[in-house]
Amino acid sequence: MSDVKSAFKALTAEQQAIVRERRVAGERSPDDWLALLGPVAEYDRQADAVREGGGGFWARRYARKHDVPNGLRWFAVPLTLILREDQDPEKPLALKIDLSGPMQPQKLVTTSDPYKKGAYHKVVDSFYDDVWLEGHAHFADGADVHFTVTDHVRTSNKTKRSASGKTKRKTKSKKKSELSVTLSVPKRNYTVAAATGRDVPKETVKDGESRTVVKLAGTMVQPNADAVPPIRMLLELISGAYERIEPARRKKL
């Protein structure tokens, strides 16, 4: 247990709080975000290796207790690395990360009335919306980029009675991840493009007086409750938003 516990103790108090609470929010430069989150992601990599059989019983128990969901290491940290290349160095990158999980009262959207399905005489579905990543980047070209990652989770609690009269209960969850991007650019730099760009499930383009705003979103069905969407899905939405604008023509003097 000493290795994984030592790795946790080596984190700062703020980083240890992120591991325990699975939440962090604020405005920092990309480099400051990476300095904060990078060691947490590295600790999580070590802890995952222990949890998957790389240590003894007590080490695995400690790693499970101090686990960080993969959304941080697989999505938030590498995304910050990419955004750093385009971020305006004079402005902060705002991030809100909540990896505490969807099954919480404040994230519950609705619950169905009980119904029957097959052998189950009582089924109740609960629907949760878990916005686990929100961000606001300021690009060097004057663009504001808002993005969110939301898990829509459906949990079905099923009850049936066996032939022997025993009551059996089963819980099954399904998850869809929705990614959305809002790109807002100054009209002095960009205008609406003649071509529409790549197809996306949801899109709106508003040509305002001072800024042009493009909103795109897409959804993917996840194979399991722990799955994390690929970063390329969000990057493609950002690219798709840029495809819907083009550089403004400068008036000749």
C-alpha atoms as a PDB file:
ATOM      1  CA  MET A   1       0.000   0.000   0.000  1.00  0.00           C
ATOM      2  CA  SER A   2       2.983   2.280   0.601  1.00  0.00           C
ATOM      3  CA  ASP A   3       3.476   3.277  -3.055  1.00  0.00           C
ATOM      4  CA  VAL A   4      -0.077   4.428  -3.796  1.00  0.00           C
ATOM      5  CA  LYS A   5      -0.437   6.001  -0.352  1.00  0.00           C
ATOM      6  CA  SER A   6       2.877   7.806  -0.778  1.00  0.00           C
ATOM      7  CA  ALA A   7       1.744   9.059  -4.190  1.00  0.00           C
ATOM      8  CA  PHE A   8      -1.411  10.468  -2.592  1.00  0.00           C
ATOM      9  CA  LYS A   9       0.515  12.049   0.299  1.00  0.00           C
ATOM     10  CA  ALA A  10       2.866  13.686  -2.227  1.00  0.00           C
ATOM     11  CA  LEU A  11      -0.042  15.716  -3.616  1.00  0.00           C
ATOM     12  CA  THR A  12      -0.726  19.205  -2.309  1.00  0.00           C
ATOM     13  CA  ALA A  13      -3.678  19.794   0.010  1.00  0.00           C
ATOM     14  CA  GLU A  14      -5.657  21.244  -2.904  1.00  0.00           C
ATOM     15  CA  GLN A  15      -4.875  18.241  -5.093  1.00  0.00           C
ATOM     16  CA  GLN A  16      -5.817  15.798  -2.327  1.00  0.00           C
ATOM     17  CA  ALA A  17      -9.139  17.634  -1.973  1.00  0.00           C
ATOM     18  CA  ILE A  18      -9.792  17.096  -5.688  1.00  0.00           C
ATOM     19  CA  VAL A  19      -9.241  13.349  -5.224  1.00  0.00           C
ATOM     20  CA  ARG A  20     -11.528  13.172  -2.196  1.00  0.00           C
ATOM     21  CA  GLU A  21     -14.301  15.478  -3.428  1.00  0.00           C
ATOM     22  CA  ARG A  22     -13.962  14.763  -7.164  1.00  0.00           C
ATOM     23  CA  ARG A  23     -14.686  18.404  -7.904  1.00  0.00           C
ATOM     24  CA  VAL A  24     -12.744  21.498  -8.867  1.00  0.00           C
ATOM     25  CA  ALA A  25     -13.699  24.816 -10.438  1.00  0.00           C
ATOM     26  CA  GLY A  26     -12.097  28.149 -11.144  1.00  0.00           C
ATOM     27  CA  GLU A  27     -10.297  30.362 -13.622  1.00  0.00           C
ATOM     28  CA  ARG A  28      -6.592  29.829 -14.283  1.00  0.00           C
ATOM     29  CA  SER A  29      -4.143  29.901 -17.130  1.00  0.00           C
ATOM     30  CA  PRO A  30      -3.864  26.554 -18.968  1.00  0.00           C
ATOM     31  CA  ASP A  31      -0.360  26.102 -17.523  1.00  0.00           C
ATOM     32  CA  ASP A  32      -1.671  26.640 -13.992  1.00  0.00           C
ATOM     33  CA  TRP A  33      -4.493  24.162 -14.622  1.00  0.00           C
ATOM     34  CA  LEU A  34      -1.992  21.574 -15.851  1.00  0.00           C
ATOM     35  CA  ALA A  35       0.242  22.190 -12.840  1.00  0.00           C
ATOM     36  CA  LEU A  36      -2.780  21.526 -10.599  1.00  0.00           C
ATOM     37  CA  LEU A  37      -4.428  18.637 -12.440  1.00  0.00           C
ATOM     38  CA  GLY A  38      -1.409  16.909 -13.980  1.00  0.00           C
ATOM     39  CA  PRO A  39      -0.147  15.367 -10.715  1.00  0.00           C
ATOM     40  CA  VAL A  40      -3.713  14.283  -9.846  1.00  0.00           C
ATOM     41  CA  ALA A  41      -3.974  12.512 -13.204  1.00  0.00           C
ATOM     42  CA  GLU A  42      -0.599  10.821 -12.646  1.00  0.00           C
ATOM     43  CA  TYR A  43      -1.682   9.693  -9.181  1.00  0.00           C
ATOM     44  CA  ASP A  44      -4.887   8.308 -10.713  1.00  0.00           C
ATOM     45  CA  ARG A  45      -2.851   6.359 -13.285  1.00  0.00           C
ATOM     46  CA  GLN A  46      -0.854   4.740 -10.491  1.00  0.00           C
ATOM     47  CA  ALA A  47      -3.962   4.059  -8.414  1.00  0.00           C
ATOM     48  CA  ASP A  48      -5.744   2.464 -11.383  1.00  0.00           C
ATOM     49  CA  ALA A  49      -2.776   0.141 -11.936  1.00  0.00           C
ATOM     50  CA  VAL A  50      -3.007  -0.935  -8.294  1.00  0.00           C
ATOM     51  CA  ARG A  51      -6.789  -1.377  -8.409  1.00  0.00           C
ATOM     52  CA  GLU A  52      -6.477  -3.600 -11.463  1.00  0.00           C
ATOM     53  CA  GLY A  53      -4.234  -6.048  -9.626  1.00  0.00           C
ATOM     54  CA  GLY A  54      -0.880  -4.336  -9.333  1.00  0.00           C
ATOM     55  CA  GLY A  55      -0.774  -4.448  -5.533  1.00  0.00           C
ATOM     56  CA  GLY A  56      -1.863  -6.277  -2.422  1.00  0.00           C
ATOM     57  CA  PHE A  57      -5.277  -6.285  -0.771  1.00  0.00           C
ATOM     58  CA  TRP A  58      -4.745  -3.173   1.352  1.00  0.00           C
ATOM     59  CA  ALA A  59      -3.184  -1.259  -1.525  1.00  0.00           C
ATOM     60  CA  ARG A  60      -6.158  -2.047  -3.784  1.00  0.00           C
ATOM     61  CA  ARG A  61      -8.548  -1.065  -1.010  1.00  0.00           C
ATOM     62  CA  TYR A  62      -6.764   2.270  -0.550  1.00  0.00           C
ATOM     63  CA  ALA A  63      -6.735   2.892  -4.319  1.00  0.00           C
ATOM     64  CA  ARG A  64     -10.480   2.190  -4.589  1.00  0.00           C
ATOM     65  CA  LYS A  65     -11.203   4.568  -1.717  1.00  0.00           C
ATOM     66  CA  HIS A  66      -9.104   7.307  -3.340  1.00  0.00           C
ATOM     67  CA  ASP A  67     -10.161   6.757  -6.933  1.00  0.00           C
ATOM     68  CA  VAL A  68     -10.623   9.554  -9.474  1.00  0.00           C
ATOM     69  CA  PRO A  69     -13.042   8.861 -12.367  1.00  0.00           C
ATOM     70  CA  ASN A  70     -11.344   8.658 -15.752  1.00  0.00           C
ATOM     71  CA  GLY A  71     -12.955  11.835 -17.064  1.00  0.00           C
ATOM     72  CA  LEU A  72     -10.107  13.821 -15.505  1.00  0.00           C
ATOM     73  CA  ARG A  73      -7.186  11.818 -16.894  1.00  0.00           C
ATOM     74  CA  TRP A  74      -8.713  10.843 -20.228  1.00  0.00           C
ATOM     75  CA  PHE A  75     -10.567  14.044 -21.093  1.00  0.00           C
ATOM     76  CA  ALA A  76     -10.087  17.179 -18.985  1.00  0.00           C
ATOM     77  CA  VAL A  77      -6.285  17.147 -18.749  1.00  0.00           C
ATOM     78  CA  PRO A  78      -5.496  16.300 -22.402  1.00  0.00           C
ATOM     79  CA  LEU A  79      -8.169  18.784 -23.527  1.00  0.00           C
ATOM     80  CA  THR A  80      -6.462  21.518 -21.499  1.00  0.00           C
ATOM     81  CA  LEU A  81      -3.178  20.674 -23.231  1.00  0.00           C
ATOM     82  CA  ILE A  82      -4.846  21.176 -26.608  1.00  0.00           C
ATOM     83  CA  LEU A  83      -6.684  24.373 -25.637  1.00  0.00           C
ATOM     84  CA  ARG A  84      -3.434  25.877 -24.384  1.00  0.00           C
ATOM     85  CA  GLU A  85      -2.246  26.211 -27.987  1.00  0.00           C
ATOM     86  CA  ASP A  86      -5.085  28.617 -28.914  1.00  0.00           C
ATOM     87  CA  GLN A  87      -5.864  30.255 -25.579  1.00  0.00           C
ATOM     88  CA  ASP A  88      -5.314  34.011 -25.296  1.00  0.00           C
ATOM     89  CA  PRO A  89      -2.396  34.232 -22.831  1.00  0.00           C
ATOM     90  CA  GLU A  90      -3.882  37.384 -21.296  1.00  0.00           C
ATOM     91  CA  LYS A  91      -7.144  35.673 -20.314  1.00  0.00           C
ATOM     92  CA  PRO A  92      -7.914  32.725 -18.016  1.00  0.00           C
ATOM     93  CA  LEU A  93      -9.401  29.369 -18.936  1.00  0.00           C
ATOM     94  CA  ALA A  94     -12.523  28.683 -16.857  1.00  0.00           C
ATOM     95  CA  LEU A  95     -13.196  25.065 -15.912  1.00  0.00           C
ATOM     96  CA  LYS A  96     -15.778  23.360 -13.735  1.00  0.00           C
ATOM     97  CA  ILE A  97     -15.193  19.648 -13.219  1.00  0.00           C
ATOM     98  CA  ASP A  98     -17.649  17.519 -11.234  1.00  0.00           C
ATOM     99  CA  LEU A  99     -16.830  13.809 -11.221  1.00  0.00           C
ATOM    100  CA  SER A 100     -18.900  12.989  -8.144  1.00  0.00           C
ATOM    101  CA  GLY A 101     -21.307  10.880 -10.226  1.00  0.00           C
ATOM    102  CA  PRO A 102     -24.857  11.187 -11.564  1.00  0.00           C
ATOM    103  CA  MET A 103     -26.852   9.351  -8.877  1.00  0.00           C
ATOM    104  CA  GLN A 104     -27.552  12.385  -6.711  1.00  0.00           C
ATOM    105  CA  PRO A 105     -30.846  14.103  -5.832  1.00  0.00           C
ATOM    106  CA  GLN A 106     -29.768  17.424  -7.340  1.00  0.00           C
ATOM    107  CA  LYS A 107     -29.013  15.718 -10.667  1.00  0.00           C
ATOM    108  CA  LEU A 108     -32.299  13.786 -10.843  1.00  0.00           C
ATOM    109  CA  VAL A 109     -34.498  15.055 -13.678  1.00  0.00           C
ATOM    110  CA  THR A 110     -37.558  12.828 -13.366  1.00  0.00           C
ATOM    111  CA  THR A 111     -38.767   9.418 -12.212  1.00  0.00           C
ATOM    112  CA  SER A 112     -41.281   7.323 -14.121  1.00  0.00           C
ATOM    113  CA  ASP A 113     -44.436   5.810 -12.733  1.00  0.00           C
ATOM    114  CA  PRO A 114     -44.084   2.077 -12.001  1.00  0.00           C
ATOM    115  CA  TYR A 115     -44.837  -0.168 -14.979  1.00  0.00           C
ATOM    116  CA  LYS A 116     -44.616  -3.845 -15.945  1.00  0.00           C
ATOM    117  CA  LYS A 117     -42.137  -5.294 -18.412  1.00  0.00           C
ATOM    118  CA  GLY A 118     -41.769  -8.991 -19.169  1.00  0.00           C
ATOM    119  CA  ALA A 119     -41.185 -11.016 -16.023  1.00  0.00           C
ATOM    120  CA  TYR A 120     -40.783  -7.875 -13.941  1.00  0.00           C
ATOM    121  CA  HIS A 121     -44.007  -6.780 -12.264  1.00  0.00           C
ATOM    122  CA  LYS A 122     -42.535  -3.429 -11.230  1.00  0.00           C
ATOM    123  CA  VAL A 123     -40.080  -1.248 -13.122  1.00  0.00           C
ATOM    124  CA  VAL A 124     -39.195   2.329 -12.161  1.00  0.00           C
ATOM    125  CA  ASP A 125     -36.934   4.440 -14.360  1.00  0.00           C
ATOM    126  CA  SER A 126     -34.953   7.375 -12.976  1.00  0.00           C
ATOM    127  CA  PHE A 127     -33.349   9.911 -15.311  1.00  0.00           C
ATOM    128  CA  TYR A 128     -30.289  11.942 -14.353  1.00  0.00           C
ATOM    129  CA  ASP A 129     -28.429  14.765 -16.109  1.00  0.00           C
ATOM    130  CA  ASP A 130     -24.810  14.927 -15.013  1.00  0.00           C
ATOM    131  CA  VAL A 131     -22.921  17.952 -16.362  1.00  0.00           C
ATOM    132  CA  TRP A 132     -19.440  16.821 -15.372  1.00  0.00           C
ATOM    133  CA  LEU A 133     -17.371  19.247 -17.437  1.00  0.00           C
ATOM    134  CA  GLU A 134     -17.979  22.892 -18.305  1.00  0.00           C
ATOM    135  CA  GLY A 135     -15.435  25.249 -19.782  1.00  0.00           C
ATOM    136  CA  HIS A 136     -14.968  28.706 -21.251  1.00  0.00           C
ATOM    137  CA  ALA A 137     -11.903  29.396 -23.362  1.00  0.00           C
ATOM    138  CA  HIS A 138     -10.821  32.694 -24.910  1.00  0.00           C
ATOM    139  CA  PHE A 139      -8.950  32.108 -28.157  1.00  0.00           C
ATOM    140  CA  ALA A 140      -6.266  34.431 -29.467  1.00  0.00           C
ATOM    141  CA  ASP A 141      -8.398  35.254 -32.553  1.00  0.00           C
ATOM    142  CA  GLY A 142     -11.055  36.885 -30.347  1.00  0.00           C
ATOM    143  CA  ALA A 143     -13.341  33.837 -30.172  1.00  0.00           C
ATOM    144  CA  ASP A 144     -15.106  32.757 -26.984  1.00  0.00           C
ATOM    145  CA  VAL A 145     -15.609  28.993 -26.778  1.00  0.00           C
ATOM    146  CA  HIS A 146     -18.033  27.514 -24.256  1.00  0.00           C
ATOM    147  CA  PHE A 147     -18.222  23.724 -24.001  1.00  0.00           C
ATOM    148  CA  THR A 148     -20.025  21.165 -21.856  1.00  0.00           C
ATOM    149  CA  VAL A 149     -20.007  17.402 -21.439  1.00  0.00           C
ATOM    150  CA  THR A 150     -23.231  15.983 -20.013  1.00  0.00           C
ATOM    151  CA  ASP A 151     -24.029  12.364 -19.215  1.00  0.00           C
ATOM    152  CA  HIS A 152     -27.720  11.493 -19.537  1.00  0.00           C
ATOM    153  CA  VAL A 153     -28.218   8.423 -17.354  1.00  0.00           C
ATOM    154  CA  ARG A 154     -31.273   6.190 -17.186  1.00  0.00           C
ATOM    155  CA  THR A 155     -31.411   3.816 -14.224  1.00  0.00           C
ATOM    156  CA  SER A 156     -34.053   1.072 -14.229  1.00  0.00           C
ATOM    157  CA  ASN A 157     -34.932  -0.574 -10.920  1.00  0.00           C
ATOM    158  CA  LYS A 158     -36.693  -3.859 -11.678  1.00  0.00           C
ATOM    159  CA  THR A 159     -38.547  -6.159  -9.297  1.00  0.00           C
ATOM    160  CA  LYS A 160     -39.857  -9.666  -9.949  1.00  0.00           C
ATOM    161  CA  ARG A 161     -40.963 -12.692  -7.972  1.00  0.00           C
ATOM    162  CA  SER A 162     -39.315 -16.046  -8.593  1.00  0.00           C
ATOM    163  CA  ALA A 163     -41.132 -19.375  -8.848  1.00  0.00           C
ATOM    164  CA  SER A 164     -40.232 -20.061  -5.219  1.00  0.00           C
ATOM    165  CA  GLY A 165     -41.850 -16.811  -4.147  1.00  0.00           C
ATOM    166  CA  LYS A 166     -38.660 -14.879  -3.465  1.00  0.00           C
ATOM    167  CA  THR A 167     -38.469 -11.239  -4.496  1.00  0.00           C
ATOM    168  CA  LYS A 168     -35.560 -10.401  -6.784  1.00  0.00           C
ATOM    169  CA  ARG A 169     -34.389  -6.919  -7.658  1.00  0.00           C
ATOM    170  CA  LYS A 170     -32.161  -5.777 -10.466  1.00  0.00           C
ATOM    171  CA  THR A 171     -30.742  -2.369 -11.364  1.00  0.00           C
ATOM    172  CA  LYS A 172     -29.598  -1.543 -14.876  1.00  0.00           C
ATOM    173  CA  SER A 173     -28.156   1.731 -16.143  1.00  0.00           C
ATOM    174  CA  LYS A 174     -27.762   3.156 -19.624  1.00  0.00           C
ATOM    175  CA  LYS A 175     -25.795   6.265 -20.492  1.00  0.00           C
ATOM    176  CA  LYS A 176     -25.574   8.749 -23.333  1.00  0.00           C
ATOM    177  CA  SER A 177     -22.932  11.462 -23.427  1.00  0.00           C
ATOM    178  CA  GLU A 178     -23.863  14.803 -24.956  1.00  0.00           C
ATOM    179  CA  LEU A 179     -21.157  17.266 -25.958  1.00  0.00           C
ATOM    180  CA  SER A 180     -21.985  20.847 -26.873  1.00  0.00           C
ATOM    181  CA  VAL A 181     -19.947  23.789 -28.120  1.00  0.00           C
ATOM    182  CA  THR A 182     -20.871  27.465 -28.416  1.00  0.00           C
ATOM    183  CA  LEU A 183     -18.498  29.545 -30.523  1.00  0.00           C
ATOM    184  CA  SER A 184     -18.903  33.330 -30.329  1.00  0.00           C
ATOM    185  CA  VAL A 185     -16.727  35.453 -32.626  1.00  0.00           C
ATOM    186  CA  PRO A 186     -16.538  39.234 -33.218  1.00  0.00           C
ATOM    187  CA  LYS A 187     -18.074  40.347 -36.507  1.00  0.00           C
ATOM    188  CA  ARG A 188     -15.074  42.516 -37.229  1.00  0.00           C
ATOM    189  CA  ASN A 189     -13.069  39.291 -37.608  1.00  0.00           C
ATOM    190  CA  TYR A 190     -15.610  36.738 -38.881  1.00  0.00           C
ATOM    191  CA  THR A 191     -18.879  36.479 -40.771  1.00  0.00           C
ATOM    192  CA  VAL A 192     -21.267  33.600 -41.507  1.00  0.00           C
ATOM    193  CA  ALA A 193     -19.809  31.267 -44.137  1.00  0.00           C
ATOM    194  CA  ALA A 194     -21.631  30.452 -47.355  1.00  0.00           C
ATOM    195  CA  ALA A 195     -21.017  26.712 -46.843  1.00  0.00           C
ATOM    196  CA  THR A 196     -22.529  24.958 -43.825  1.00  0.00           C
ATOM    197  CA  GLY A 197     -19.612  22.654 -42.954  1.00  0.00           C
ATOM    198  CA  ARG A 198     -19.776  19.071 -41.706  1.00  0.00           C
ATOM    199  CA  ASP A 199     -23.100  17.602 -40.586  1.00  0.00           C
ATOM    200  CA  VAL A 200     -23.857  17.581 -36.860  1.00  0.00           C
ATOM    201  CA  PRO A 201     -27.016  16.427 -35.017  1.00  0.00           C
ATOM    202  CA  LYS A 202     -27.831  19.858 -33.552  1.00  0.00           C
ATOM    203  CA  GLU A 203     -26.830  23.297 -34.778  1.00  0.00           C
ATOM    204  CA  THR A 204     -27.860  26.937 -34.657  1.00  0.00           C
ATOM    205  CA  VAL A 205     -26.140  29.947 -36.201  1.00  0.00           C
ATOM    206  CA  LYS A 206     -27.055  33.478 -35.119  1.00  0.00           C
ATOM    207  CA  ASP A 207     -25.664  36.507 -36.912  1.00  0.00           C
ATOM    208  CA  GLY A 208     -25.858  39.267 -34.299  1.00  0.00           C
ATOM    209  CA  GLU A 209     -24.963  42.927 -34.475  1.00  0.00           C
ATOM    210  CA  SER A 210     -21.532  42.600 -32.898  1.00  0.00           C
ATOM    211  CA  ARG A 211     -20.884  38.861 -32.697  1.00  0.00           C
ATOM    212  CA  THR A 212     -21.724  35.704 -34.623  1.00  0.00           C
ATOM    213  CA  VAL A 213     -22.697  32.744 -32.435  1.00  0.00           C
ATOM    214  CA  VAL A 214     -22.556  29.104 -33.553  1.00  0.00           C
ATOM    215  CA  LYS A 215     -23.957  26.339 -31.336  1.00  0.00           C
ATOM    216  CA  LEU A 216     -23.300  22.673 -32.130  1.00  0.00           C
ATOM    217  CA  ALA A 217     -24.023  19.498 -30.168  1.00  0.00           C
ATOM    218  CA  GLY A 218     -23.736  15.758 -30.589  1.00  0.00           C
ATOM    219  CA  THR A 219     -24.611  12.650 -28.569  1.00  0.00           C
ATOM    220  CA  MET A 220     -23.131   9.165 -28.349  1.00  0.00           C
ATOM    221  CA  VAL A 221     -24.414   6.019 -26.647  1.00  0.00           C
ATOM    222  CA  GLN A 222     -21.872   4.697 -24.168  1.00  0.00           C
ATOM    223  CA  PRO A 223     -21.120   0.977 -23.746  1.00  0.00           C
ATOM    224  CA  ASN A 224     -21.047   1.206 -19.942  1.00  0.00           C
ATOM    225  CA  ALA A 225     -21.524   3.609 -17.046  1.00  0.00           C
ATOM    226  CA  ASP A 226     -17.793   4.357 -16.720  1.00  0.00           C
ATOM    227  CA  ALA A 227     -17.121   5.137 -20.393  1.00  0.00           C
ATOM    228  CA  VAL A 228     -15.736   8.565 -21.333  1.00  0.00           C
ATOM    229  CA  PRO A 229     -16.387  10.178 -24.737  1.00  0.00           C
ATOM    230  CA  PRO A 230     -13.344  10.654 -26.976  1.00  0.00           C
ATOM    231  CA  ILE A 231     -11.788  14.117 -27.013  1.00  0.00           C
ATOM    232  CA  ARG A 232     -11.912  14.147 -30.809  1.00  0.00           C
ATOM    233  CA  MET A 233     -15.712  14.398 -30.587  1.00  0.00           C
ATOM    234  CA  LEU A 234     -15.450  17.789 -28.863  1.00  0.00           C
ATOM    235  CA  LEU A 235     -12.625  18.929 -31.137  1.00  0.00           C
ATOM    236  CA  GLU A 236     -14.715  18.038 -34.199  1.00  0.00           C
ATOM    237  CA  LEU A 237     -17.556  20.179 -32.846  1.00  0.00           C
ATOM    238  CA  ILE A 238     -15.182  23.119 -32.413  1.00  0.00           C
ATOM    239  CA  SER A 239     -13.844  22.563 -35.937  1.00  0.00           C
ATOM    240  CA  GLY A 240     -17.400  22.267 -37.244  1.00  0.00           C
ATOM    241  CA  ALA A 241     -18.296  25.581 -35.612  1.00  0.00           C
ATOM    242  CA  TYR A 242     -15.360  27.277 -37.333  1.00  0.00           C
ATOM    243  CA  GLU A 243     -16.482  25.783 -40.652  1.00  0.00           C
ATOM    244  CA  ARG A 244     -19.676  27.817 -40.335  1.00  0.00           C
ATOM    245  CA  ILE A 245     -17.836  31.132 -40.272  1.00  0.00           C
ATOM    246  CA  GLU A 246     -15.221  32.746 -42.470  1.00  0.00           C
ATOM    247  CA  PRO A 247     -12.846  35.700 -42.136  1.00  0.00           C
ATOM    248  CA  ALA A 248     -14.578  39.032 -42.659  1.00  0.00           C
ATOM    249  CA  ARG A 249     -13.591  40.970 -45.741  1.00  0.00           C
ATOM    250  CA  ARG A 250     -11.801  44.172 -44.947  1.00  0.00           C
ATOM    251  CA  LYS A 251     -13.146  47.311 -46.567  1.00  0.00           C
ATOM    252  CA  LYS A 252     -10.712  48.975 -48.915  1.00  0.00           C
ATOM    253  CA  LEU A 253      -9.634  52.467 -47.913  1.00  0.00           C
END
